[in-house]
Amino acid sequence: MARVQTKIHYKGEYEDFLVFVDDQADYEKWKKDSSVPLTHFVSTFTVFTTQRHGVQGPVNAAPHSTLDNEFGTHNEDEVIKIILEKGTLQESEAPERLGIRNETQGPRVAH
């Protein structure tokens, strides 16, 4: 079974930002009715950057200075709301791990 990763991508003036979402249905409800708590669908209350590599780039936590430059604040709760409102939903599917499933077979195990 493949794992689906849902994230909201916001392309800023100087940087690309990501917020990870656990429940897409609750995110869609929140967009229509902001009384839905963010804790129901936001994976972690951390804003991530991709060093201008779009959705596919390496993901790192955004420094306060980058958030200040882009959003005028480094309060991550406020920034997350902006990204959720103005960003685009992106889904990516990660295939299952490939390889040998039973490591006890053969000389692959150190004794």
N, C-alpha and C. Protein backbone atom coordinates (compact mmCIF):
# COMPACT_ATOMS: atom_id res chain seq x y z
N MET A 1 0.84 -1.17 0.00
CA MET A 1 0.00 0.00 0.00
C MET A 1 0.89 1.25 0.00
N ALA A 2 0.66 2.12 -0.91
CA ALA A 2 1.47 3.34 -1.02
C ALA A 2 1.03 4.36 0.02
N ARG A 3 1.98 5.16 0.45
CA ARG A 3 1.68 6.21 1.41
C ARG A 3 1.49 7.53 0.67
N VAL A 4 0.44 8.25 1.03
CA VAL A 4 0.17 9.54 0.40
C VAL A 4 0.58 10.64 1.38
N GLN A 5 1.32 11.60 0.87
CA GLN A 5 1.74 12.74 1.67
C GLN A 5 1.04 13.97 1.11
N THR A 6 0.33 14.68 1.97
CA THR A 6 -0.41 15.86 1.55
C THR A 6 0.26 17.09 2.15
N LYS A 7 0.50 18.08 1.30
CA LYS A 7 1.13 19.32 1.76
C LYS A 7 0.52 20.49 1.02
N ILE A 8 0.61 21.64 1.65
CA ILE A 8 0.16 22.89 1.05
C ILE A 8 1.40 23.67 0.65
N HIS A 9 1.48 24.03 -0.62
CA HIS A 9 2.64 24.73 -1.17
C HIS A 9 2.27 26.18 -1.41
N TYR A 10 3.10 27.08 -0.91
CA TYR A 10 2.91 28.51 -1.13
C TYR A 10 4.19 29.05 -1.76
N LYS A 11 4.05 29.61 -2.96
CA LYS A 11 5.20 30.18 -3.65
C LYS A 11 5.30 31.64 -3.28
N GLY A 12 6.28 31.96 -2.46
CA GLY A 12 6.49 33.33 -2.03
C GLY A 12 7.35 34.09 -3.02
N GLU A 13 7.63 35.33 -2.69
CA GLU A 13 8.44 36.16 -3.57
C GLU A 13 9.89 35.67 -3.63
N TYR A 14 10.41 35.22 -2.48
CA TYR A 14 11.81 34.81 -2.41
C TYR A 14 12.01 33.33 -2.11
N GLU A 15 10.97 32.63 -1.71
CA GLU A 15 11.12 31.26 -1.21
C GLU A 15 9.82 30.49 -1.41
N ASP A 16 9.93 29.16 -1.46
CA ASP A 16 8.76 28.29 -1.48
C ASP A 16 8.54 27.75 -0.07
N PHE A 17 7.28 27.73 0.37
CA PHE A 17 6.95 27.31 1.73
C PHE A 17 5.99 26.13 1.69
N LEU A 18 6.11 25.25 2.69
CA LEU A 18 5.25 24.08 2.80
C LEU A 18 4.70 23.96 4.21
N VAL A 19 3.45 23.47 4.27
CA VAL A 19 2.83 23.05 5.52
C VAL A 19 2.26 21.67 5.25
N PHE A 20 2.55 20.71 6.13
CA PHE A 20 2.07 19.35 5.94
C PHE A 20 0.71 19.17 6.59
N VAL A 21 -0.17 18.44 5.89
CA VAL A 21 -1.55 18.25 6.31
C VAL A 21 -1.81 16.75 6.46
N ASP A 22 -2.44 16.36 7.57
CA ASP A 22 -2.77 14.96 7.81
C ASP A 22 -4.11 14.57 7.19
N ASP A 23 -5.10 15.43 7.30
CA ASP A 23 -6.45 15.08 6.87
C ASP A 23 -6.94 16.10 5.84
N GLN A 24 -6.95 15.68 4.59
CA GLN A 24 -7.34 16.58 3.51
C GLN A 24 -8.81 16.99 3.62
N ALA A 25 -9.67 16.09 4.07
CA ALA A 25 -11.10 16.41 4.19
C ALA A 25 -11.31 17.53 5.21
N ASP A 26 -10.64 17.46 6.35
CA ASP A 26 -10.77 18.53 7.35
C ASP A 26 -10.17 19.84 6.84
N TYR A 27 -9.11 19.75 6.05
CA TYR A 27 -8.54 20.96 5.45
C TYR A 27 -9.56 21.62 4.52
N GLU A 28 -10.24 20.84 3.71
CA GLU A 28 -11.27 21.38 2.81
C GLU A 28 -12.41 22.00 3.61
N LYS A 29 -12.79 21.36 4.73
CA LYS A 29 -13.84 21.93 5.60
C LYS A 29 -13.38 23.27 6.17
N TRP A 30 -12.12 23.33 6.60
CA TRP A 30 -11.58 24.55 7.19
C TRP A 30 -11.60 25.70 6.19
N LYS A 31 -11.33 25.41 4.91
CA LYS A 31 -11.33 26.47 3.90
C LYS A 31 -12.71 27.10 3.75
N LYS A 32 -13.76 26.30 4.00
CA LYS A 32 -15.13 26.81 3.91
C LYS A 32 -15.61 27.38 5.24
N ASP A 33 -15.11 26.83 6.34
CA ASP A 33 -15.55 27.23 7.68
C ASP A 33 -14.33 27.23 8.60
N SER A 34 -13.81 28.41 8.90
CA SER A 34 -12.57 28.51 9.66
C SER A 34 -12.74 28.15 11.14
N SER A 35 -13.94 27.73 11.55
CA SER A 35 -14.12 27.31 12.94
C SER A 35 -13.55 25.91 13.19
N VAL A 36 -13.23 25.17 12.12
CA VAL A 36 -12.59 23.85 12.27
C VAL A 36 -11.18 24.08 12.83
N PRO A 37 -10.85 23.45 13.96
CA PRO A 37 -9.52 23.68 14.55
C PRO A 37 -8.39 23.19 13.64
N LEU A 38 -7.33 23.97 13.57
CA LEU A 38 -6.17 23.59 12.76
C LEU A 38 -5.55 22.29 13.26
N THR A 39 -5.68 22.03 14.55
CA THR A 39 -5.09 20.81 15.11
C THR A 39 -5.73 19.55 14.56
N HIS A 40 -6.89 19.66 13.94
CA HIS A 40 -7.56 18.49 13.37
C HIS A 40 -6.89 18.02 12.09
N PHE A 41 -6.16 18.88 11.41
CA PHE A 41 -5.62 18.47 10.11
C PHE A 41 -4.17 18.88 9.85
N VAL A 42 -3.62 19.83 10.58
CA VAL A 42 -2.23 20.22 10.36
C VAL A 42 -1.33 19.19 11.04
N SER A 43 -0.37 18.68 10.30
CA SER A 43 0.50 17.61 10.79
C SER A 43 1.43 18.11 11.89
N THR A 44 2.14 19.17 11.62
CA THR A 44 3.05 19.77 12.59
C THR A 44 3.01 21.28 12.40
N PHE A 45 3.06 22.01 13.48
CA PHE A 45 2.96 23.46 13.38
C PHE A 45 4.34 24.06 13.13
N THR A 46 4.93 23.62 12.04
CA THR A 46 6.22 24.12 11.58
C THR A 46 6.09 24.46 10.10
N VAL A 47 6.61 25.61 9.73
CA VAL A 47 6.63 26.01 8.33
C VAL A 47 7.97 25.55 7.75
N PHE A 48 7.91 24.94 6.57
CA PHE A 48 9.11 24.43 5.93
C PHE A 48 9.40 25.19 4.64
N THR A 49 10.67 25.25 4.26
CA THR A 49 11.08 25.85 2.99
C THR A 49 11.73 24.78 2.13
N THR A 50 11.82 25.07 0.84
CA THR A 50 12.45 24.13 -0.10
C THR A 50 13.59 24.77 -0.87
N GLN A 51 14.12 25.88 -0.41
CA GLN A 51 15.22 26.59 -1.07
C GLN A 51 14.95 26.84 -2.55
N ARG A 52 13.76 27.31 -2.84
CA ARG A 52 13.33 27.66 -4.21
C ARG A 52 13.34 26.46 -5.16
N HIS A 53 13.13 25.26 -4.63
CA HIS A 53 13.07 24.07 -5.47
C HIS A 53 11.64 23.58 -5.65
N GLY A 54 10.65 24.42 -5.39
CA GLY A 54 9.26 24.02 -5.58
C GLY A 54 8.84 22.98 -4.57
N VAL A 55 7.88 22.16 -4.95
CA VAL A 55 7.33 21.16 -4.06
C VAL A 55 8.31 20.00 -3.85
N GLN A 56 9.16 19.75 -4.81
CA GLN A 56 10.03 18.58 -4.80
C GLN A 56 11.36 18.79 -4.07
N GLY A 57 11.68 19.99 -3.69
CA GLY A 57 12.99 20.28 -3.14
C GLY A 57 13.23 19.73 -1.75
N PRO A 58 14.46 19.89 -1.26
CA PRO A 58 14.77 19.45 0.11
C PRO A 58 14.00 20.30 1.11
N VAL A 59 13.49 19.67 2.14
CA VAL A 59 12.61 20.35 3.09
C VAL A 59 13.38 20.65 4.37
N ASN A 60 13.37 21.93 4.76
CA ASN A 60 14.01 22.37 6.00
C ASN A 60 13.07 23.32 6.72
N ALA A 61 13.18 23.39 8.04
CA ALA A 61 12.38 24.34 8.81
C ALA A 61 12.76 25.76 8.39
N ALA A 62 11.76 26.62 8.26
CA ALA A 62 12.00 27.99 7.82
C ALA A 62 12.56 28.83 8.97
N PRO A 63 13.66 29.54 8.74
CA PRO A 63 14.20 30.43 9.77
C PRO A 63 13.26 31.62 9.99
N HIS A 64 13.32 32.18 11.20
CA HIS A 64 12.47 33.33 11.53
C HIS A 64 12.72 34.50 10.57
N SER A 65 13.97 34.71 10.18
CA SER A 65 14.27 35.84 9.29
C SER A 65 13.58 35.67 7.93
N THR A 66 13.50 34.44 7.43
CA THR A 66 12.83 34.19 6.15
C THR A 66 11.34 34.45 6.28
N LEU A 67 10.75 34.01 7.40
CA LEU A 67 9.32 34.25 7.62
C LEU A 67 9.04 35.75 7.76
N ASP A 68 9.91 36.46 8.49
CA ASP A 68 9.75 37.92 8.64
C ASP A 68 9.81 38.62 7.28
N ASN A 69 10.76 38.23 6.44
CA ASN A 69 10.91 38.87 5.13
C ASN A 69 9.71 38.62 4.24
N GLU A 70 9.16 37.44 4.29
CA GLU A 70 8.06 37.08 3.37
C GLU A 70 6.69 37.50 3.90
N PHE A 71 6.45 37.28 5.20
CA PHE A 71 5.10 37.47 5.74
C PHE A 71 4.99 38.64 6.71
N GLY A 72 6.11 39.26 7.08
CA GLY A 72 6.08 40.38 8.01
C GLY A 72 5.97 39.94 9.46
N THR A 73 6.01 38.65 9.72
CA THR A 73 5.97 38.10 11.08
C THR A 73 6.65 36.74 11.08
N HIS A 74 7.17 36.36 12.24
CA HIS A 74 7.70 35.00 12.35
C HIS A 74 6.83 34.14 13.27
N ASN A 75 5.62 34.63 13.59
CA ASN A 75 4.65 33.84 14.35
C ASN A 75 4.14 32.73 13.43
N GLU A 76 4.55 31.49 13.70
CA GLU A 76 4.25 30.39 12.79
C GLU A 76 2.76 30.10 12.69
N ASP A 77 1.99 30.35 13.75
CA ASP A 77 0.54 30.12 13.67
C ASP A 77 -0.10 31.03 12.62
N GLU A 78 0.30 32.30 12.62
CA GLU A 78 -0.23 33.24 11.63
C GLU A 78 0.24 32.88 10.22
N VAL A 79 1.51 32.52 10.10
CA VAL A 79 2.07 32.17 8.79
C VAL A 79 1.39 30.92 8.24
N ILE A 80 1.14 29.94 9.09
CA ILE A 80 0.48 28.71 8.65
C ILE A 80 -0.90 29.02 8.10
N LYS A 81 -1.64 29.90 8.77
CA LYS A 81 -2.98 30.27 8.27
C LYS A 81 -2.88 30.92 6.89
N ILE A 82 -1.90 31.79 6.69
CA ILE A 82 -1.73 32.44 5.38
C ILE A 82 -1.42 31.40 4.31
N ILE A 83 -0.52 30.48 4.62
CA ILE A 83 -0.15 29.44 3.65
C ILE A 83 -1.35 28.55 3.34
N LEU A 84 -2.13 28.19 4.36
CA LEU A 84 -3.31 27.35 4.13
C LEU A 84 -4.35 28.07 3.28
N GLU A 85 -4.50 29.38 3.47
CA GLU A 85 -5.49 30.15 2.71
C GLU A 85 -5.06 30.37 1.26
N LYS A 86 -3.78 30.70 1.05
CA LYS A 86 -3.32 31.12 -0.27
C LYS A 86 -2.53 30.06 -1.03
N GLY A 87 -2.17 28.98 -0.36
CA GLY A 87 -1.35 27.95 -1.00
C GLY A 87 -2.17 26.97 -1.81
N THR A 88 -1.47 26.07 -2.50
CA THR A 88 -2.13 25.05 -3.31
C THR A 88 -1.86 23.67 -2.71
N LEU A 89 -2.87 22.83 -2.75
CA LEU A 89 -2.78 21.48 -2.22
C LEU A 89 -1.96 20.61 -3.16
N GLN A 90 -1.01 19.88 -2.61
CA GLN A 90 -0.16 18.97 -3.38
C GLN A 90 -0.18 17.61 -2.71
N GLU A 91 -0.39 16.57 -3.50
CA GLU A 91 -0.32 15.21 -2.98
C GLU A 91 0.78 14.47 -3.70
N SER A 92 1.55 13.72 -2.95
CA SER A 92 2.57 12.87 -3.56
C SER A 92 2.44 11.49 -2.95
N GLU A 93 2.68 10.50 -3.79
CA GLU A 93 2.54 9.13 -3.36
C GLU A 93 3.92 8.49 -3.29
N ALA A 94 4.24 7.94 -2.15
CA ALA A 94 5.52 7.26 -1.97
C ALA A 94 5.28 5.76 -2.06
N PRO A 95 5.98 5.07 -2.95
CA PRO A 95 5.77 3.63 -3.04
C PRO A 95 6.26 2.93 -1.79
N GLU A 96 5.76 1.71 -1.61
CA GLU A 96 6.22 0.92 -0.48
C GLU A 96 7.72 0.70 -0.59
N ARG A 97 8.30 0.36 0.50
CA ARG A 97 9.73 0.03 0.47
C ARG A 97 9.93 -1.21 -0.38
N LEU A 98 10.94 -1.16 -1.18
CA LEU A 98 11.26 -2.29 -2.04
C LEU A 98 12.41 -3.07 -1.43
N GLY A 99 12.51 -4.31 -1.80
CA GLY A 99 13.64 -5.10 -1.35
C GLY A 99 13.20 -6.38 -0.68
N ILE A 100 14.15 -7.06 -0.09
CA ILE A 100 13.93 -8.33 0.57
C ILE A 100 13.08 -8.10 1.82
N ARG A 101 12.07 -8.92 1.99
CA ARG A 101 11.19 -8.74 3.14
C ARG A 101 11.62 -9.60 4.34
N ASN A 102 12.32 -10.67 4.11
CA ASN A 102 12.75 -11.53 5.20
C ASN A 102 14.27 -11.49 5.28
N GLU A 103 14.79 -10.68 6.16
CA GLU A 103 16.23 -10.47 6.25
C GLU A 103 16.97 -11.66 6.85
N THR A 104 16.26 -12.65 7.38
CA THR A 104 16.93 -13.79 7.99
C THR A 104 17.35 -14.83 6.97
N GLN A 105 16.99 -14.65 5.72
CA GLN A 105 17.36 -15.61 4.68
C GLN A 105 18.71 -15.25 4.09
N GLY A 106 19.58 -16.24 4.05
CA GLY A 106 20.85 -16.04 3.37
C GLY A 106 21.88 -15.29 4.16
N PRO A 107 23.00 -14.96 3.51
CA PRO A 107 24.15 -14.35 4.19
C PRO A 107 24.02 -12.85 4.41
N ARG A 108 22.85 -12.28 4.24
CA ARG A 108 22.68 -10.84 4.41
C ARG A 108 22.69 -10.42 5.87
N VAL A 109 22.53 -11.38 6.78
CA VAL A 109 22.46 -11.06 8.20
C VAL A 109 23.81 -11.35 8.85
N ALA A 110 24.33 -10.39 9.59
CA ALA A 110 25.58 -10.62 10.31
C ALA A 110 25.31 -11.54 11.49
N HIS A 111 26.20 -12.50 11.69
CA HIS A 111 26.01 -13.45 12.79
C HIS A 111 26.96 -13.18 13.90
